[in-house]
Amino acid sequence: MQTVEDVKQTTVTVTVNNRPVTFAHHEATGASIKEAAIRQGVPIQQDFNLFEVKHDGSLKPIGDDEIVHLHNKLVFRATAPDDTSEE
């Protein structure tokens, strides 16, 4: 039987558009990150562009088929395809 501590160690919480999104695994594709964010209430759509926000504030594009190794405190930004803002 899993304890609360076991569950905490196996889940990963990242941030998408300033909202926490929790995963049961440590790897996900760009598309599955968006799907999980939508299921967990982040107001984005599947066709949004996904970016990893790097420590220096720069944005790394994440493709829908790209595999991302997830870890706590990882930050993503999802923007509408026609959004060209740099916020």
PDB file of N, CA and C in Angstrom:
ATOM      1  N   MET A   1       0.845  -1.184   0.000  1.00  0.00           N
ATOM      2  CA  MET A   1       0.000   0.000   0.000  1.00  0.00           C
ATOM      3  C   MET A   1       0.885   1.240   0.000  1.00  0.00           C
ATOM      4  N   GLN A   2       0.518   2.216  -0.854  1.00  0.00           N
ATOM      5  CA  GLN A   2       1.301   3.449  -0.939  1.00  0.00           C
ATOM      6  C   GLN A   2       0.956   4.383   0.213  1.00  0.00           C
ATOM      7  N   THR A   3       1.982   5.008   0.740  1.00  0.00           N
ATOM      8  CA  THR A   3       1.764   6.017   1.773  1.00  0.00           C
ATOM      9  C   THR A   3       1.652   7.383   1.112  1.00  0.00           C
ATOM     10  N   VAL A   4       1.275   8.371   1.881  1.00  0.00           N
ATOM     11  CA  VAL A   4       1.199   9.740   1.371  1.00  0.00           C
ATOM     12  C   VAL A   4       2.576  10.175   0.868  1.00  0.00           C
ATOM     13  N   GLU A   5       3.618   9.800   1.574  1.00  0.00           N
ATOM     14  CA  GLU A   5       4.978  10.159   1.154  1.00  0.00           C
ATOM     15  C   GLU A   5       5.333   9.511  -0.179  1.00  0.00           C
ATOM     16  N   ASP A   6       4.913   8.249  -0.399  1.00  0.00           N
ATOM     17  CA  ASP A   6       5.166   7.583  -1.676  1.00  0.00           C
ATOM     18  C   ASP A   6       4.501   8.338  -2.816  1.00  0.00           C
ATOM     19  N   VAL A   7       3.259   8.758  -2.612  1.00  0.00           N
ATOM     20  CA  VAL A   7       2.525   9.489  -3.651  1.00  0.00           C
ATOM     21  C   VAL A   7       3.202  10.816  -3.939  1.00  0.00           C
ATOM     22  N   LYS A   8       3.644  11.524  -2.894  1.00  0.00           N
ATOM     23  CA  LYS A   8       4.336  12.802  -3.087  1.00  0.00           C
ATOM     24  C   LYS A   8       5.594  12.617  -3.917  1.00  0.00           C
ATOM     25  N   GLN A   9       6.305  11.518  -3.722  1.00  0.00           N
ATOM     26  CA  GLN A   9       7.547  11.287  -4.445  1.00  0.00           C
ATOM     27  C   GLN A   9       7.299  10.897  -5.896  1.00  0.00           C
ATOM     28  N   THR A  10       6.140  10.306  -6.196  1.00  0.00           N
ATOM     29  CA  THR A  10       5.892   9.863  -7.558  1.00  0.00           C
ATOM     30  C   THR A  10       5.177  10.913  -8.393  1.00  0.00           C
ATOM     31  N   THR A  11       4.585  11.916  -7.771  1.00  0.00           N
ATOM     32  CA  THR A  11       3.935  12.965  -8.541  1.00  0.00           C
ATOM     33  C   THR A  11       4.886  14.137  -8.747  1.00  0.00           C
ATOM     34  N   VAL A  12       4.644  14.848  -9.835  1.00  0.00           N
ATOM     35  CA  VAL A  12       5.440  16.018 -10.175  1.00  0.00           C
ATOM     36  C   VAL A  12       4.464  17.164 -10.415  1.00  0.00           C
ATOM     37  N   THR A  13       4.745  18.312  -9.839  1.00  0.00           N
ATOM     38  CA  THR A  13       3.906  19.484 -10.063  1.00  0.00           C
ATOM     39  C   THR A  13       4.706  20.544 -10.798  1.00  0.00           C
ATOM     40  N   VAL A  14       4.211  20.906 -11.972  1.00  0.00           N
ATOM     41  CA  VAL A  14       4.815  21.964 -12.774  1.00  0.00           C
ATOM     42  C   VAL A  14       3.844  23.144 -12.787  1.00  0.00           C
ATOM     43  N   THR A  15       4.245  24.231 -13.409  1.00  0.00           N
ATOM     44  CA  THR A  15       3.379  25.401 -13.524  1.00  0.00           C
ATOM     45  C   THR A  15       3.118  25.677 -14.998  1.00  0.00           C
ATOM     46  N   VAL A  16       1.847  25.847 -15.331  1.00  0.00           N
ATOM     47  CA  VAL A  16       1.453  26.239 -16.686  1.00  0.00           C
ATOM     48  C   VAL A  16       0.626  27.513 -16.561  1.00  0.00           C
ATOM     49  N   ASN A  17       1.110  28.591 -17.150  1.00  0.00           N
ATOM     50  CA  ASN A  17       0.422  29.890 -17.072  1.00  0.00           C
ATOM     51  C   ASN A  17       0.068  30.249 -15.622  1.00  0.00           C
ATOM     52  N   ASN A  18       1.052  30.124 -14.759  1.00  0.00           N
ATOM     53  CA  ASN A  18       0.947  30.496 -13.338  1.00  0.00           C
ATOM     54  C   ASN A  18       0.003  29.622 -12.525  1.00  0.00           C
ATOM     55  N   ARG A  19      -0.335  28.431 -13.036  1.00  0.00           N
ATOM     56  CA  ARG A  19      -1.214  27.518 -12.300  1.00  0.00           C
ATOM     57  C   ARG A  19      -0.528  26.165 -12.145  1.00  0.00           C
ATOM     58  N   PRO A  20      -0.683  25.532 -10.983  1.00  0.00           N
ATOM     59  CA  PRO A  20      -0.055  24.222 -10.776  1.00  0.00           C
ATOM     60  C   PRO A  20      -0.757  23.134 -11.584  1.00  0.00           C
ATOM     61  N   VAL A  21       0.051  22.246 -12.164  1.00  0.00           N
ATOM     62  CA  VAL A  21      -0.458  21.089 -12.898  1.00  0.00           C
ATOM     63  C   VAL A  21       0.339  19.879 -12.420  1.00  0.00           C
ATOM     64  N   THR A  22      -0.367  18.847 -11.970  1.00  0.00           N
ATOM     65  CA  THR A  22       0.277  17.682 -11.372  1.00  0.00           C
ATOM     66  C   THR A  22       0.263  16.501 -12.336  1.00  0.00           C
ATOM     67  N   PHE A  23       1.379  15.800 -12.385  1.00  0.00           N
ATOM     68  CA  PHE A  23       1.543  14.622 -13.231  1.00  0.00           C
ATOM     69  C   PHE A  23       1.925  13.426 -12.373  1.00  0.00           C
ATOM     70  N   ALA A  24       1.523  12.242 -12.812  1.00  0.00           N
ATOM     71  CA  ALA A  24       1.879  11.011 -12.111  1.00  0.00           C
ATOM     72  C   ALA A  24       3.202  10.442 -12.608  1.00  0.00           C
ATOM     73  N   HIS A  25       3.691  10.959 -13.727  1.00  0.00           N
ATOM     74  CA  HIS A  25       4.929  10.454 -14.323  1.00  0.00           C
ATOM     75  C   HIS A  25       5.914  11.599 -14.509  1.00  0.00           C
ATOM     76  N   HIS A  26       7.159  11.253 -14.734  1.00  0.00           N
ATOM     77  CA  HIS A  26       8.213  12.254 -14.863  1.00  0.00           C
ATOM     78  C   HIS A  26       8.548  12.592 -16.312  1.00  0.00           C
ATOM     79  N   GLU A  27       7.774  12.063 -17.248  1.00  0.00           N
ATOM     80  CA  GLU A  27       7.946  12.400 -18.657  1.00  0.00           C
ATOM     81  C   GLU A  27       6.575  12.664 -19.263  1.00  0.00           C
ATOM     82  N   ALA A  28       6.525  13.625 -20.183  1.00  0.00           N
ATOM     83  CA  ALA A  28       5.276  13.932 -20.877  1.00  0.00           C
ATOM     84  C   ALA A  28       5.620  14.613 -22.192  1.00  0.00           C
ATOM     85  N   THR A  29       4.738  14.477 -23.165  1.00  0.00           N
ATOM     86  CA  THR A  29       4.912  15.209 -24.415  1.00  0.00           C
ATOM     87  C   THR A  29       4.313  16.597 -24.252  1.00  0.00           C
ATOM     88  N   GLY A  30       4.664  17.476 -25.172  1.00  0.00           N
ATOM     89  CA  GLY A  30       4.075  18.811 -25.150  1.00  0.00           C
ATOM     90  C   GLY A  30       2.554  18.741 -25.194  1.00  0.00           C
ATOM     91  N   ALA A  31       2.016  17.870 -26.054  1.00  0.00           N
ATOM     92  CA  ALA A  31       0.560  17.732 -26.170  1.00  0.00           C
ATOM     93  C   ALA A  31      -0.048  17.239 -24.861  1.00  0.00           C
ATOM     94  N   SER A  32       0.599  16.285 -24.195  1.00  0.00           N
ATOM     95  CA  SER A  32       0.027  15.762 -22.945  1.00  0.00           C
ATOM     96  C   SER A  32       0.141  16.771 -21.804  1.00  0.00           C
ATOM     97  N   ILE A  33       1.139  17.647 -21.852  1.00  0.00           N
ATOM     98  CA  ILE A  33       1.232  18.718 -20.847  1.00  0.00           C
ATOM     99  C   ILE A  33       0.033  19.644 -21.004  1.00  0.00           C
ATOM    100  N   LYS A  34      -0.280  20.014 -22.250  1.00  0.00           N
ATOM    101  CA  LYS A  34      -1.443  20.878 -22.494  1.00  0.00           C
ATOM    102  C   LYS A  34      -2.735  20.169 -22.093  1.00  0.00           C
ATOM    103  N   GLU A  35      -2.868  18.878 -22.433  1.00  0.00           N
ATOM    104  CA  GLU A  35      -4.071  18.117 -22.069  1.00  0.00           C
ATOM    105  C   GLU A  35      -4.270  18.092 -20.560  1.00  0.00           C
ATOM    106  N   ALA A  36      -3.194  17.813 -19.827  1.00  0.00           N
ATOM    107  CA  ALA A  36      -3.285  17.764 -18.364  1.00  0.00           C
ATOM    108  C   ALA A  36      -3.647  19.134 -17.799  1.00  0.00           C
ATOM    109  N   ALA A  37      -3.052  20.180 -18.358  1.00  0.00           N
ATOM    110  CA  ALA A  37      -3.347  21.530 -17.891  1.00  0.00           C
ATOM    111  C   ALA A  37      -4.827  21.862 -18.106  1.00  0.00           C
ATOM    112  N   ILE A  38      -5.359  21.516 -19.263  1.00  0.00           N
ATOM    113  CA  ILE A  38      -6.769  21.765 -19.558  1.00  0.00           C
ATOM    114  C   ILE A  38      -7.653  20.997 -18.578  1.00  0.00           C
ATOM    115  N   ARG A  39      -7.350  19.717 -18.360  1.00  0.00           N
ATOM    116  CA  ARG A  39      -8.132  18.889 -17.417  1.00  0.00           C
ATOM    117  C   ARG A  39      -8.091  19.453 -16.007  1.00  0.00           C
ATOM    118  N   GLN A  40      -6.984  20.102 -15.649  1.00  0.00           N
ATOM    119  CA  GLN A  40      -6.826  20.625 -14.293  1.00  0.00           C
ATOM    120  C   GLN A  40      -7.214  22.104 -14.194  1.00  0.00           C
ATOM    121  N   GLY A  41      -7.917  22.617 -15.197  1.00  0.00           N
ATOM    122  CA  GLY A  41      -8.523  23.932 -15.097  1.00  0.00           C
ATOM    123  C   GLY A  41      -7.741  25.104 -15.630  1.00  0.00           C
ATOM    124  N   VAL A  42      -6.618  24.864 -16.291  1.00  0.00           N
ATOM    125  CA  VAL A  42      -5.869  25.978 -16.880  1.00  0.00           C
ATOM    126  C   VAL A  42      -6.617  26.401 -18.152  1.00  0.00           C
ATOM    127  N   PRO A  43      -6.946  27.687 -18.280  1.00  0.00           N
ATOM    128  CA  PRO A  43      -7.753  28.137 -19.421  1.00  0.00           C
ATOM    129  C   PRO A  43      -6.939  28.289 -20.709  1.00  0.00           C
ATOM    130  N   ILE A  44      -6.555  27.155 -21.275  1.00  0.00           N
ATOM    131  CA  ILE A  44      -5.835  27.133 -22.553  1.00  0.00           C
ATOM    132  C   ILE A  44      -6.558  26.166 -23.468  1.00  0.00           C
ATOM    133  N   GLN A  45      -6.124  26.110 -24.724  1.00  0.00           N
ATOM    134  CA  GLN A  45      -6.675  25.165 -25.683  1.00  0.00           C
ATOM    135  C   GLN A  45      -5.553  24.303 -26.237  1.00  0.00           C
ATOM    136  N   GLN A  46      -5.939  23.157 -26.792  1.00  0.00           N
ATOM    137  CA  GLN A  46      -4.957  22.195 -27.276  1.00  0.00           C
ATOM    138  C   GLN A  46      -4.079  22.755 -28.391  1.00  0.00           C
ATOM    139  N   ASP A  47      -4.591  23.732 -29.163  1.00  0.00           N
ATOM    140  CA  ASP A  47      -3.795  24.271 -30.266  1.00  0.00           C
ATOM    141  C   ASP A  47      -2.857  25.398 -29.840  1.00  0.00           C
ATOM    142  N   PHE A  48      -2.822  25.718 -28.549  1.00  0.00           N
ATOM    143  CA  PHE A  48      -1.911  26.756 -28.063  1.00  0.00           C
ATOM    144  C   PHE A  48      -0.466  26.307 -28.238  1.00  0.00           C
ATOM    145  N   ASN A  49       0.424  27.283 -28.367  1.00  0.00           N
ATOM    146  CA  ASN A  49       1.864  27.014 -28.412  1.00  0.00           C
ATOM    147  C   ASN A  49       2.371  26.881 -26.981  1.00  0.00           C
ATOM    148  N   LEU A  50       3.221  25.895 -26.754  1.00  0.00           N
ATOM    149  CA  LEU A  50       3.757  25.648 -25.418  1.00  0.00           C
ATOM    150  C   LEU A  50       5.235  26.003 -25.390  1.00  0.00           C
ATOM    151  N   PHE A  51       5.639  26.690 -24.325  1.00  0.00           N
ATOM    152  CA  PHE A  51       7.034  27.076 -24.139  1.00  0.00           C
ATOM    153  C   PHE A  51       7.467  26.726 -22.723  1.00  0.00           C
ATOM    154  N   GLU A  52       8.707  26.291 -22.584  1.00  0.00           N
ATOM    155  CA  GLU A  52       9.322  26.168 -21.266  1.00  0.00           C
ATOM    156  C   GLU A  52       9.960  27.512 -20.947  1.00  0.00           C
ATOM    157  N   VAL A  53       9.680  28.034 -19.760  1.00  0.00           N
ATOM    158  CA  VAL A  53      10.279  29.290 -19.320  1.00  0.00           C
ATOM    159  C   VAL A  53      11.591  28.941 -18.626  1.00  0.00           C
ATOM    160  N   LYS A  54      12.695  29.361 -19.229  1.00  0.00           N
ATOM    161  CA  LYS A  54      14.019  29.058 -18.681  1.00  0.00           C
ATOM    162  C   LYS A  54      14.335  29.993 -17.512  1.00  0.00           C
ATOM    163  N   HIS A  55      15.375  29.660 -16.752  1.00  0.00           N
ATOM    164  CA  HIS A  55      15.758  30.443 -15.565  1.00  0.00           C
ATOM    165  C   HIS A  55      16.058  31.900 -15.885  1.00  0.00           C
ATOM    166  N   ASP A  56      16.566  32.166 -17.090  1.00  0.00           N
ATOM    167  CA  ASP A  56      16.885  33.547 -17.466  1.00  0.00           C
ATOM    168  C   ASP A  56      15.690  34.279 -18.072  1.00  0.00           C
ATOM    169  N   GLY A  57      14.525  33.616 -18.081  1.00  0.00           N
ATOM    170  CA  GLY A  57      13.315  34.233 -18.613  1.00  0.00           C
ATOM    171  C   GLY A  57      13.076  33.969 -20.088  1.00  0.00           C
ATOM    172  N   SER A  58      14.050  33.355 -20.765  1.00  0.00           N
ATOM    173  CA  SER A  58      13.861  33.058 -22.183  1.00  0.00           C
ATOM    174  C   SER A  58      12.865  31.901 -22.334  1.00  0.00           C
ATOM    175  N   LEU A  59      12.295  31.797 -23.526  1.00  0.00           N
ATOM    176  CA  LEU A  59      11.279  30.788 -23.797  1.00  0.00           C
ATOM    177  C   LEU A  59      11.815  29.756 -24.776  1.00  0.00           C
ATOM    178  N   LYS A  60      11.662  28.477 -24.417  1.00  0.00           N
ATOM    179  CA  LYS A  60      12.066  27.386 -25.300  1.00  0.00           C
ATOM    180  C   LYS A  60      10.792  26.731 -25.837  1.00  0.00           C
ATOM    181  N   PRO A  61      10.556  26.783 -27.160  1.00  0.00           N
ATOM    182  CA  PRO A  61       9.361  26.148 -27.715  1.00  0.00           C
ATOM    183  C   PRO A  61       9.357  24.642 -27.457  1.00  0.00           C
ATOM    184  N   ILE A  62       8.186  24.111 -27.123  1.00  0.00           N
ATOM    185  CA  ILE A  62       8.014  22.677 -26.893  1.00  0.00           C
ATOM    186  C   ILE A  62       6.994  22.174 -27.912  1.00  0.00           C
ATOM    187  N   GLY A  63       7.422  21.279 -28.787  1.00  0.00           N
ATOM    188  CA  GLY A  63       6.520  20.712 -29.795  1.00  0.00           C
ATOM    189  C   GLY A  63       5.561  19.711 -29.177  1.00  0.00           C
ATOM    190  N   ASP A  64       4.430  19.491 -29.837  1.00  0.00           N
ATOM    191  CA  ASP A  64       3.430  18.562 -29.317  1.00  0.00           C
ATOM    192  C   ASP A  64       3.982  17.147 -29.130  1.00  0.00           C
ATOM    193  N   ASP A  65       4.903  16.729 -29.998  1.00  0.00           N
ATOM    194  CA  ASP A  65       5.464  15.375 -29.917  1.00  0.00           C
ATOM    195  C   ASP A  65       6.765  15.304 -29.129  1.00  0.00           C
ATOM    196  N   GLU A  66       7.249  16.443 -28.667  1.00  0.00           N
ATOM    197  CA  GLU A  66       8.513  16.498 -27.924  1.00  0.00           C
ATOM    198  C   GLU A  66       8.331  15.941 -26.511  1.00  0.00           C
ATOM    199  N   ILE A  67       9.233  15.084 -26.091  1.00  0.00           N
ATOM    200  CA  ILE A  67       9.187  14.517 -24.738  1.00  0.00           C
ATOM    201  C   ILE A  67       9.950  15.431 -23.796  1.00  0.00           C
ATOM    202  N   VAL A  68       9.304  15.765 -22.691  1.00  0.00           N
ATOM    203  CA  VAL A  68       9.885  16.653 -21.688  1.00  0.00           C
ATOM    204  C   VAL A  68      10.072  15.849 -20.404  1.00  0.00           C
ATOM    205  N   HIS A  69      11.242  15.959 -19.803  1.00  0.00           N
ATOM    206  CA  HIS A  69      11.511  15.328 -18.507  1.00  0.00           C
ATOM    207  C   HIS A  69      11.036  16.308 -17.438  1.00  0.00           C
ATOM    208  N   LEU A  70       9.982  15.932 -16.748  1.00  0.00           N
ATOM    209  CA  LEU A  70       9.337  16.831 -15.790  1.00  0.00           C
ATOM    210  C   LEU A  70      10.012  16.783 -14.434  1.00  0.00           C
ATOM    211  N   HIS A  71      10.059  17.933 -13.780  1.00  0.00           N
ATOM    212  CA  HIS A  71      10.502  18.012 -12.394  1.00  0.00           C
ATOM    213  C   HIS A  71       9.762  19.163 -11.731  1.00  0.00           C
ATOM    214  N   ASN A  72       9.664  19.083 -10.417  1.00  0.00           N
ATOM    215  CA  ASN A  72       8.983  20.140  -9.675  1.00  0.00           C
ATOM    216  C   ASN A  72       9.642  21.478  -9.981  1.00  0.00           C
ATOM    217  N   LYS A  73       8.831  22.511 -10.013  1.00  0.00           N
ATOM    218  CA  LYS A  73       9.258  23.893 -10.265  1.00  0.00           C
ATOM    219  C   LYS A  73       9.515  24.190 -11.740  1.00  0.00           C
ATOM    220  N   LEU A  74       9.274  23.232 -12.630  1.00  0.00           N
ATOM    221  CA  LEU A  74       9.379  23.503 -14.056  1.00  0.00           C
ATOM    222  C   LEU A  74       8.224  24.417 -14.440  1.00  0.00           C
ATOM    223  N   VAL A  75       8.491  25.435 -15.261  1.00  0.00           N
ATOM    224  CA  VAL A  75       7.488  26.441 -15.601  1.00  0.00           C
ATOM    225  C   VAL A  75       7.268  26.459 -17.110  1.00  0.00           C
ATOM    226  N   PHE A  76       5.984  26.464 -17.495  1.00  0.00           N
ATOM    227  CA  PHE A  76       5.603  26.528 -18.899  1.00  0.00           C
ATOM    228  C   PHE A  76       4.675  27.704 -19.122  1.00  0.00           C
ATOM    229  N   ARG A  77       4.683  28.190 -20.353  1.00  0.00           N
ATOM    230  CA  ARG A  77       3.726  29.211 -20.779  1.00  0.00           C
ATOM    231  C   ARG A  77       3.062  28.691 -22.047  1.00  0.00           C
ATOM    232  N   ALA A  78       1.750  28.756 -22.083  1.00  0.00           N
ATOM    233  CA  ALA A  78       0.993  28.369 -23.268  1.00  0.00           C
ATOM    234  C   ALA A  78       0.299  29.609 -23.806  1.00  0.00           C
ATOM    235  N   THR A  79       0.473  29.865 -25.102  1.00  0.00           N
ATOM    236  CA  THR A  79      -0.105  31.056 -25.718  1.00  0.00           C
ATOM    237  C   THR A  79      -0.921  30.679 -26.945  1.00  0.00           C
ATOM    238  N   ALA A  80      -1.925  31.492 -27.216  1.00  0.00           N
ATOM    239  CA  ALA A  80      -2.728  31.274 -28.420  1.00  0.00           C
ATOM    240  C   ALA A  80      -1.835  31.383 -29.643  1.00  0.00           C
ATOM    241  N   PRO A  81      -2.151  30.642 -30.706  1.00  0.00           N
ATOM    242  CA  PRO A  81      -1.294  30.663 -31.903  1.00  0.00           C
ATOM    243  C   PRO A  81      -1.086  32.052 -32.485  1.00  0.00           C
ATOM    244  N   ASP A  82      -2.035  32.961 -32.297  1.00  0.00           N
ATOM    245  CA  ASP A  82      -1.902  34.297 -32.868  1.00  0.00           C
ATOM    246  C   ASP A  82      -1.374  35.326 -31.862  1.00  0.00           C
ATOM    247  N   ASP A  83      -0.966  34.864 -30.659  1.00  0.00           N
ATOM    248  CA  ASP A  83      -0.440  35.764 -29.622  1.00  0.00           C
ATOM    249  C   ASP A  83       1.048  35.964 -29.853  1.00  0.00           C
ATOM    250  N   THR A  84       1.433  37.200 -30.117  1.00  0.00           N
ATOM    251  CA  THR A  84       2.850  37.494 -30.355  1.00  0.00           C
ATOM    252  C   THR A  84       3.465  38.312 -29.213  1.00  0.00           C
ATOM    253  N   SER A  85       2.762  38.379 -28.076  1.00  0.00           N
ATOM    254  CA  SER A  85       3.280  39.171 -26.953  1.00  0.00           C
ATOM    255  C   SER A  85       4.485  38.490 -26.340  1.00  0.00           C
ATOM    256  N   GLU A  86       5.302  39.263 -25.650  1.00  0.00           N
ATOM    257  CA  GLU A  86       6.514  38.755 -25.017  1.00  0.00           C
ATOM    258  C   GLU A  86       6.361  38.681 -23.496  1.00  0.00           C
ATOM    259  N   GLU A  87       5.153  38.763 -22.968  1.00  0.00           N
ATOM    260  CA  GLU A  87       4.940  38.765 -21.519  1.00  0.00           C
ATOM    261  C   GLU A  87       5.469  37.533 -20.860  1.00  0.00           C
TER     262      GLU A  87
END
